PDB file of N, CA and C in Angstrom:
ATOM      1  N   MET A   1    -123.018-157.867 -14.912  1.00  0.00           N
ATOM      2  CA  MET A   1    -123.338-156.882 -15.526  1.00  0.00           C
ATOM      3  C   MET A   1    -123.000-155.560 -15.404  1.00  0.00           C
ATOM      4  N   VAL A   2    -122.574-155.516 -13.699  1.00  0.00           N
ATOM      5  CA  VAL A   2    -122.484-153.759 -13.229  1.00  0.00           C
ATOM      6  C   VAL A   2    -120.848-153.883 -12.897  1.00  0.00           C
ATOM      7  N   GLY A   3    -120.356-155.001 -12.723  1.00  0.00           N
ATOM      8  CA  GLY A   3    -118.690-155.105 -13.162  1.00  0.00           C
ATOM      9  C   GLY A   3    -118.307-154.588 -14.119  1.00  0.00           C
ATOM     10  N   GLN A   4    -119.062-154.509 -15.472  1.00  0.00           N
ATOM     11  CA  GLN A   4    -118.402-154.243 -16.475  1.00  0.00           C
ATOM     12  C   GLN A   4    -118.075-152.334 -16.628  1.00  0.00           C
ATOM     13  N   ILE A   5    -118.853-151.477 -15.942  1.00  0.00           N
ATOM     14  CA  ILE A   5    -118.871-150.095 -15.871  1.00  0.00           C
ATOM     15  C   ILE A   5    -117.105-149.793 -15.286  1.00  0.00           C
ATOM     16  N   PRO A   6    -116.500-151.029 -14.430  1.00  0.00           N
ATOM     17  CA  PRO A   6    -115.497-149.908 -13.836  1.00  0.00           C
ATOM     18  C   PRO A   6    -114.154-150.581 -15.075  1.00  0.00           C
ATOM     19  N   LEU A   7    -114.828-152.103 -15.793  1.00  0.00           N
ATOM     20  CA  LEU A   7    -113.942-152.106 -17.210  1.00  0.00           C
ATOM     21  C   LEU A   7    -113.697-151.311 -18.181  1.00  0.00           C
ATOM     22  N   ILE A   8    -114.826-150.837 -18.245  1.00  0.00           N
ATOM     23  CA  ILE A   8    -115.065-149.687 -19.530  1.00  0.00           C
ATOM     24  C   ILE A   8    -114.433-148.146 -18.842  1.00  0.00           C
ATOM     25  N   ILE A   9    -114.260-147.876 -17.570  1.00  0.00           N
ATOM     26  CA  ILE A   9    -113.785-146.915 -17.254  1.00  0.00           C
ATOM     27  C   ILE A   9    -111.988-147.114 -17.459  1.00  0.00           C
ATOM     28  N   PHE A  10    -111.822-148.213 -17.182  1.00  0.00           N
ATOM     29  CA  PHE A  10    -110.304-149.022 -16.926  1.00  0.00           C
ATOM     30  C   PHE A  10    -109.652-148.710 -18.189  1.00  0.00           C
ATOM     31  N   THR A  11    -110.247-149.203 -19.033  1.00  0.00           N
ATOM     32  CA  THR A  11    -110.233-149.094 -20.893  1.00  0.00           C
ATOM     33  C   THR A  11    -109.977-148.126 -20.967  1.00  0.00           C
ATOM     34  N   ASP A  12    -111.297-146.821 -20.856  1.00  0.00           N
ATOM     35  CA  ASP A  12    -111.057-145.947 -21.581  1.00  0.00           C
ATOM     36  C   ASP A  12    -109.848-145.139 -20.952  1.00  0.00           C
ATOM     37  N   LEU A  13    -109.569-145.711 -19.845  1.00  0.00           N
ATOM     38  CA  LEU A  13    -108.075-144.950 -18.921  1.00  0.00           C
ATOM     39  C   LEU A  13    -107.042-145.341 -19.700  1.00  0.00           C
ATOM     40  N   LEU A  14    -106.753-146.200 -20.111  1.00  0.00           N
ATOM     41  CA  LEU A  14    -105.879-147.046 -20.943  1.00  0.00           C
ATOM     42  C   LEU A  14    -105.566-146.593 -22.550  1.00  0.00           C
ATOM     43  N   LYS A  15    -106.596-145.976 -22.955  1.00  0.00           N
ATOM     44  CA  LYS A  15    -106.737-144.744 -24.296  1.00  0.00           C
ATOM     45  C   LYS A  15    -106.310-144.272 -24.676  1.00  0.00           C
ATOM     46  N   ARG A  16    -106.741-143.474 -22.973  1.00  0.00           N
ATOM     47  CA  ARG A  16    -105.923-142.020 -23.036  1.00  0.00           C
ATOM     48  C   ARG A  16    -104.372-142.247 -22.618  1.00  0.00           C
ATOM     49  N   ILE A  17    -103.849-143.425 -21.954  1.00  0.00           N
ATOM     50  CA  ILE A  17    -102.623-142.947 -21.964  1.00  0.00           C
ATOM     51  C   ILE A  17    -102.310-143.732 -23.211  1.00  0.00           C
ATOM     52  N   PHE A  18    -101.838-144.809 -23.336  1.00  0.00           N
ATOM     53  CA  PHE A  18    -101.523-145.038 -24.584  1.00  0.00           C
ATOM     54  C   PHE A  18    -102.007-144.809 -25.965  1.00  0.00           C
ATOM     55  N   GLY A  19    -103.013-143.842 -25.873  1.00  0.00           N
ATOM     56  CA  GLY A  19    -103.349-143.719 -27.463  1.00  0.00           C
ATOM     57  C   GLY A  19    -104.087-145.348 -28.283  1.00  0.00           C
ATOM     58  N   ARG A  20    -104.711-144.778 -29.301  1.00  0.00           N
ATOM     59  CA  ARG A  20    -105.677-146.205 -29.944  1.00  0.00           C
ATOM     60  C   ARG A  20    -104.364-147.154 -30.622  1.00  0.00           C
ATOM     61  N   GLY A  21    -104.775-148.236 -30.760  1.00  0.00           N
ATOM     62  CA  GLY A  21    -104.399-149.223 -31.728  1.00  0.00           C
ATOM     63  C   GLY A  21    -104.843-150.362 -30.832  1.00  0.00           C
ATOM     64  N   PRO A  22    -103.949-151.781 -31.981  1.00  0.00           N
ATOM     65  CA  PRO A  22    -104.434-152.755 -31.528  1.00  0.00           C
ATOM     66  C   PRO A  22    -103.506-153.182 -29.935  1.00  0.00           C
ATOM     67  N   ASN A  23    -102.600-152.408 -29.478  1.00  0.00           N
ATOM     68  CA  ASN A  23    -102.390-152.568 -28.106  1.00  0.00           C
ATOM     69  C   ASN A  23    -102.839-153.132 -27.143  1.00  0.00           C
ATOM     70  N   VAL A  24    -104.110-151.169 -27.156  1.00  0.00           N
ATOM     71  CA  VAL A  24    -105.101-150.722 -26.432  1.00  0.00           C
ATOM     72  C   VAL A  24    -106.047-152.073 -26.222  1.00  0.00           C
ATOM     73  N   LYS A  25    -106.114-152.423 -27.771  1.00  0.00           N
ATOM     74  CA  LYS A  25    -107.244-153.631 -27.771  1.00  0.00           C
ATOM     75  C   LYS A  25    -107.327-154.647 -27.197  1.00  0.00           C
ATOM     76  N   LEU A  26    -105.955-155.259 -27.202  1.00  0.00           N
ATOM     77  CA  LEU A  26    -105.143-156.373 -26.417  1.00  0.00           C
ATOM     78  C   LEU A  26    -105.582-156.147 -24.955  1.00  0.00           C
ATOM     79  N   ALA A  27    -105.039-155.227 -24.363  1.00  0.00           N
ATOM     80  CA  ALA A  27    -104.678-154.577 -23.024  1.00  0.00           C
ATOM     81  C   ALA A  27    -106.717-154.912 -22.622  1.00  0.00           C
ATOM     82  N   GLY A  28    -107.458-154.329 -23.589  1.00  0.00           N
ATOM     83  CA  GLY A  28    -109.215-154.321 -22.594  1.00  0.00           C
ATOM     84  C   GLY A  28    -109.328-155.558 -22.801  1.00  0.00           C
ATOM     85  N   ASN A  29    -108.984-156.566 -23.743  1.00  0.00           N
ATOM     86  CA  ASN A  29    -109.550-157.766 -24.045  1.00  0.00           C
ATOM     87  C   ASN A  29    -109.423-158.992 -22.603  1.00  0.00           C
ATOM     88  N   LEU A  30    -107.600-158.144 -22.908  1.00  0.00           N
ATOM     89  CA  LEU A  30    -106.754-159.366 -21.165  1.00  0.00           C
ATOM     90  C   LEU A  30    -107.600-158.804 -20.118  1.00  0.00           C
ATOM     91  N   THR A  31    -107.953-157.569 -20.151  1.00  0.00           N
ATOM     92  CA  THR A  31    -108.460-156.979 -18.745  1.00  0.00           C
ATOM     93  C   THR A  31    -109.945-157.587 -18.311  1.00  0.00           C
ATOM     94  N   PHE A  32    -110.721-157.508 -19.224  1.00  0.00           N
ATOM     95  CA  PHE A  32    -111.516-158.165 -19.558  1.00  0.00           C
ATOM     96  C   PHE A  32    -112.026-160.166 -18.856  1.00  0.00           C
ATOM     97  N   TRP A  33    -111.009-160.865 -19.316  1.00  0.00           N
ATOM     98  CA  TRP A  33    -110.799-162.181 -19.363  1.00  0.00           C
ATOM     99  C   TRP A  33    -110.672-162.159 -18.042  1.00  0.00           C
ATOM    100  N   ILE A  34    -109.447-161.518 -17.859  1.00  0.00           N
ATOM    101  CA  ILE A  34    -108.778-161.832 -16.110  1.00  0.00           C
ATOM    102  C   ILE A  34    -109.867-161.573 -15.036  1.00  0.00           C
ATOM    103  N   SER A  35    -110.522-160.638 -15.161  1.00  0.00           N
ATOM    104  CA  SER A  35    -111.547-160.515 -14.423  1.00  0.00           C
ATOM    105  C   SER A  35    -112.541-161.252 -14.391  1.00  0.00           C
ATOM    106  N   PHE A  36    -112.959-161.730 -16.126  1.00  0.00           N
ATOM    107  CA  PHE A  36    -114.061-162.543 -15.548  1.00  0.00           C
ATOM    108  C   PHE A  36    -113.479-163.971 -14.812  1.00  0.00           C
ATOM    109  N   CYS A  37    -112.414-164.610 -15.665  1.00  0.00           N
ATOM    110  CA  CYS A  37    -111.914-165.759 -14.985  1.00  0.00           C
ATOM    111  C   CYS A  37    -111.468-165.993 -13.418  1.00  0.00           C
ATOM    112  N   PHE A  38    -111.434-164.996 -12.687  1.00  0.00           N
ATOM    113  CA  PHE A  38    -110.517-164.784 -11.179  1.00  0.00           C
ATOM    114  C   PHE A  38    -111.810-163.545 -10.723  1.00  0.00           C
ATOM    115  N   PHE A  39    -112.716-163.286 -10.975  1.00  0.00           N
ATOM    116  CA  PHE A  39    -114.076-162.956 -10.220  1.00  0.00           C
ATOM    117  C   PHE A  39    -115.157-163.231 -10.480  1.00  0.00           C
ATOM    118  N   GLY A  40    -115.138-163.227 -12.114  1.00  0.00           N
ATOM    119  CA  GLY A  40    -117.092-163.417 -12.972  1.00  0.00           C
ATOM    120  C   GLY A  40    -117.430-164.705 -12.474  1.00  0.00           C
ATOM    121  N   GLN A  41    -116.709-165.547 -13.037  1.00  0.00           N
ATOM    122  CA  GLN A  41    -117.176-167.386 -12.815  1.00  0.00           C
ATOM    123  C   GLN A  41    -117.119-167.436 -10.744  1.00  0.00           C
ATOM    124  N   PRO A  42    -116.241-167.307 -10.659  1.00  0.00           N
ATOM    125  CA  PRO A  42    -116.296-167.802  -8.825  1.00  0.00           C
ATOM    126  C   PRO A  42    -117.297-166.943  -8.174  1.00  0.00           C
ATOM    127  N   ILE A  43    -117.440-165.662  -8.441  1.00  0.00           N
ATOM    128  CA  ILE A  43    -119.000-165.177  -8.009  1.00  0.00           C
ATOM    129  C   ILE A  43    -120.032-165.845  -8.337  1.00  0.00           C
ATOM    130  N   ALA A  44    -120.400-166.075  -9.261  1.00  0.00           N
ATOM    131  CA  ALA A  44    -121.354-166.710  -9.488  1.00  0.00           C
ATOM    132  C   ALA A  44    -121.287-168.192  -9.331  1.00  0.00           C
ATOM    133  N   ALA A  45    -120.672-168.903  -9.339  1.00  0.00           N
ATOM    134  CA  ALA A  45    -120.643-170.526  -8.513  1.00  0.00           C
ATOM    135  C   ALA A  45    -120.955-169.915  -6.886  1.00  0.00           C
ATOM    136  N   LEU A  46    -120.326-169.006  -6.664  1.00  0.00           N
ATOM    137  CA  LEU A  46    -120.631-168.785  -5.211  1.00  0.00           C
ATOM    138  C   LEU A  46    -122.206-168.642  -4.585  1.00  0.00           C
ATOM    139  N   ALA A  47    -122.629-167.222  -5.864  1.00  0.00           N
ATOM    140  CA  ALA A  47    -124.205-167.328  -5.896  1.00  0.00           C
ATOM    141  C   ALA A  47    -125.308-168.187  -5.670  1.00  0.00           C
ATOM    142  N   TYR A  48    -124.508-169.155  -7.108  1.00  0.00           N
ATOM    143  CA  TYR A  48    -125.491-170.218  -6.916  1.00  0.00           C
ATOM    144  C   TYR A  48    -125.655-171.402  -6.373  1.00  0.00           C
ATOM    145  N   PHE A  49    -124.142-171.119  -5.520  1.00  0.00           N
ATOM    146  CA  PHE A  49    -124.323-172.420  -4.307  1.00  0.00           C
ATOM    147  C   PHE A  49    -125.336-171.689  -3.067  1.00  0.00           C
ATOM    148  N   PHE A  50    -124.905-170.531  -2.483  1.00  0.00           N
ATOM    149  CA  PHE A  50    -125.663-170.067  -2.108  1.00  0.00           C
ATOM    150  C   PHE A  50    -127.267-169.965  -1.973  1.00  0.00           C
ATOM    151  N   ALA A  51    -127.835-169.787  -3.317  1.00  0.00           N
ATOM    152  CA  ALA A  51    -129.096-169.510  -3.305  1.00  0.00           C
ATOM    153  C   ALA A  51    -129.626-171.346  -3.517  1.00  0.00           C
ATOM    154  N   TRP A  52    -128.884-172.040  -3.680  1.00  0.00           N
ATOM    155  CA  TRP A  52    -129.468-174.049  -3.562  1.00  0.00           C
ATOM    156  C   TRP A  52    -129.767-173.969  -2.067  1.00  0.00           C
ATOM    157  N   GLN A  53    -128.131-173.375  -1.481  1.00  0.00           N
ATOM    158  CA  GLN A  53    -128.311-173.342   0.106  1.00  0.00           C
ATOM    159  C   GLN A  53    -129.812-172.953   0.253  1.00  0.00           C
ATOM    160  N   HIS A  54    -130.396-172.089  -0.091  1.00  0.00           N
ATOM    161  CA  HIS A  54    -131.273-170.632   1.169  1.00  0.00           C
ATOM    162  C   HIS A  54    -132.471-171.567   0.589  1.00  0.00           C
ATOM    163  N   LYS A  55    -132.176-172.475  -0.946  1.00  0.00           N
ATOM    164  CA  LYS A  55    -133.991-172.861  -1.667  1.00  0.00           C
ATOM    165  C   LYS A  55    -134.378-174.367  -0.891  1.00  0.00           C
ATOM    166  N   PHE A  56    -132.639-175.422  -0.159  1.00  0.00           N
ATOM    167  CA  PHE A  56    -133.131-176.407   0.114  1.00  0.00           C
ATOM    168  C   PHE A  56    -132.767-177.054   1.289  1.00  0.00           C
ATOM    169  N   GLY A  57    -131.505-176.100   2.027  1.00  0.00           N
ATOM    170  CA  GLY A  57    -131.431-176.371   2.912  1.00  0.00           C
ATOM    171  C   GLY A  57    -130.663-177.266   3.680  1.00  0.00           C
ATOM    172  N   VAL A  58    -130.242-177.842   2.774  1.00  0.00           N
ATOM    173  CA  VAL A  58    -129.576-179.242   3.013  1.00  0.00           C
ATOM    174  C   VAL A  58    -127.711-178.552   3.845  1.00  0.00           C
ATOM    175  N   GLY A  59    -127.161-179.142   5.014  1.00  0.00           N
ATOM    176  CA  GLY A  59    -126.226-178.917   5.070  1.00  0.00           C
ATOM    177  C   GLY A  59    -125.969-177.947   5.842  1.00  0.00           C
ATOM    178  N   SER A  60    -127.518-177.072   6.493  1.00  0.00           N
ATOM    179  CA  SER A  60    -127.825-176.060   6.886  1.00  0.00           C
ATOM    180  C   SER A  60    -128.068-176.632   9.057  1.00  0.00           C
ATOM    181  N   ARG A  61    -127.846-175.246   9.728  1.00  0.00           N
ATOM    182  CA  ARG A  61    -128.186-176.395  11.302  1.00  0.00           C
ATOM    183  C   ARG A  61    -129.174-176.905  10.977  1.00  0.00           C
ATOM    184  N   PRO A  62    -129.050-177.552  11.993  1.00  0.00           N
ATOM    185  CA  PRO A  62    -129.876-178.954  12.662  1.00  0.00           C
ATOM    186  C   PRO A  62    -131.219-178.575  13.207  1.00  0.00           C
ATOM    187  N   GLN A  63    -132.644-179.251  12.623  1.00  0.00           N
ATOM    188  CA  GLN A  63    -133.547-178.306  12.584  1.00  0.00           C
ATOM    189  C   GLN A  63    -134.002-179.332  14.416  1.00  0.00           C
ATOM    190  N   TRP A  64    -134.222-178.510  15.589  1.00  0.00           N
ATOM    191  CA  TRP A  64    -134.074-179.119  16.643  1.00  0.00           C
ATOM    192  C   TRP A  64    -135.798-179.376  17.041  1.00  0.00           C
ATOM    193  N   PRO A  65    -136.479-180.175  17.564  1.00  0.00           N
ATOM    194  CA  PRO A  65    -137.731-180.582  17.742  1.00  0.00           C
ATOM    195  C   PRO A  65    -137.809-178.983  18.500  1.00  0.00           C
ATOM    196  N   ALA A  66    -139.079-178.609  18.492  1.00  0.00           N
ATOM    197  CA  ALA A  66    -139.491-177.612  19.237  1.00  0.00           C
ATOM    198  C   ALA A  66    -139.910-178.017  20.714  1.00  0.00           C
ATOM    199  N   MET A  67    -139.644-176.518  21.991  1.00  0.00           N
ATOM    200  CA  MET A  67    -139.805-176.672  23.255  1.00  0.00           C
ATOM    201  C   MET A  67    -140.921-177.804  23.555  1.00  0.00           C
ATOM    202  N   GLY A  68    -140.901-178.731  24.680  1.00  0.00           N
ATOM    203  CA  GLY A  68    -142.226-180.179  24.821  1.00  0.00           C
ATOM    204  C   GLY A  68    -142.181-181.007  24.002  1.00  0.00           C
ATOM    205  N   THR A  69    -141.361-181.355  22.721  1.00  0.00           N
ATOM    206  CA  THR A  69    -141.595-182.427  22.089  1.00  0.00           C
ATOM    207  C   THR A  69    -140.254-183.169  21.782  1.00  0.00           C
ATOM    208  N   ALA A  70    -139.404-182.962  23.075  1.00  0.00           N
ATOM    209  CA  ALA A  70    -138.138-183.863  23.021  1.00  0.00           C
ATOM    210  C   ALA A  70    -138.799-185.295  23.005  1.00  0.00           C
ATOM    211  N   GLY A  71    -138.156-185.345  21.561  1.00  0.00           N
ATOM    212  CA  GLY A  71    -137.832-187.446  21.767  1.00  0.00           C
ATOM    213  C   GLY A  71    -139.245-187.770  20.491  1.00  0.00           C
ATOM    214  N   VAL A  72    -139.661-186.983  19.961  1.00  0.00           N
ATOM    215  CA  VAL A  72    -140.922-187.230  18.946  1.00  0.00           C
ATOM    216  C   VAL A  72    -140.788-186.133  17.928  1.00  0.00           C
ATOM    217  N   TYR A  73    -140.335-186.892  16.634  1.00  0.00           N
ATOM    218  CA  TYR A  73    -139.416-186.560  15.203  1.00  0.00           C
ATOM    219  C   TYR A  73    -141.090-186.814  14.477  1.00  0.00           C
TER     220      TYR A  73
END
């Protein structure tokens, strides 16, 4: 949602440069979908992965036994 603020500014800039009309709406839609597909979904997938990794810890650093308990698991 925070990423939409620069998109709004960019779309308003397009409106000022090219005027109003269907092409500006098309440019705004293209800007949204390109940024959503290349940035939004991958960042959401990475955030989910790291949250899952933090919660369950599978695949993280090995848990070594404390000092003095070598061989006792």
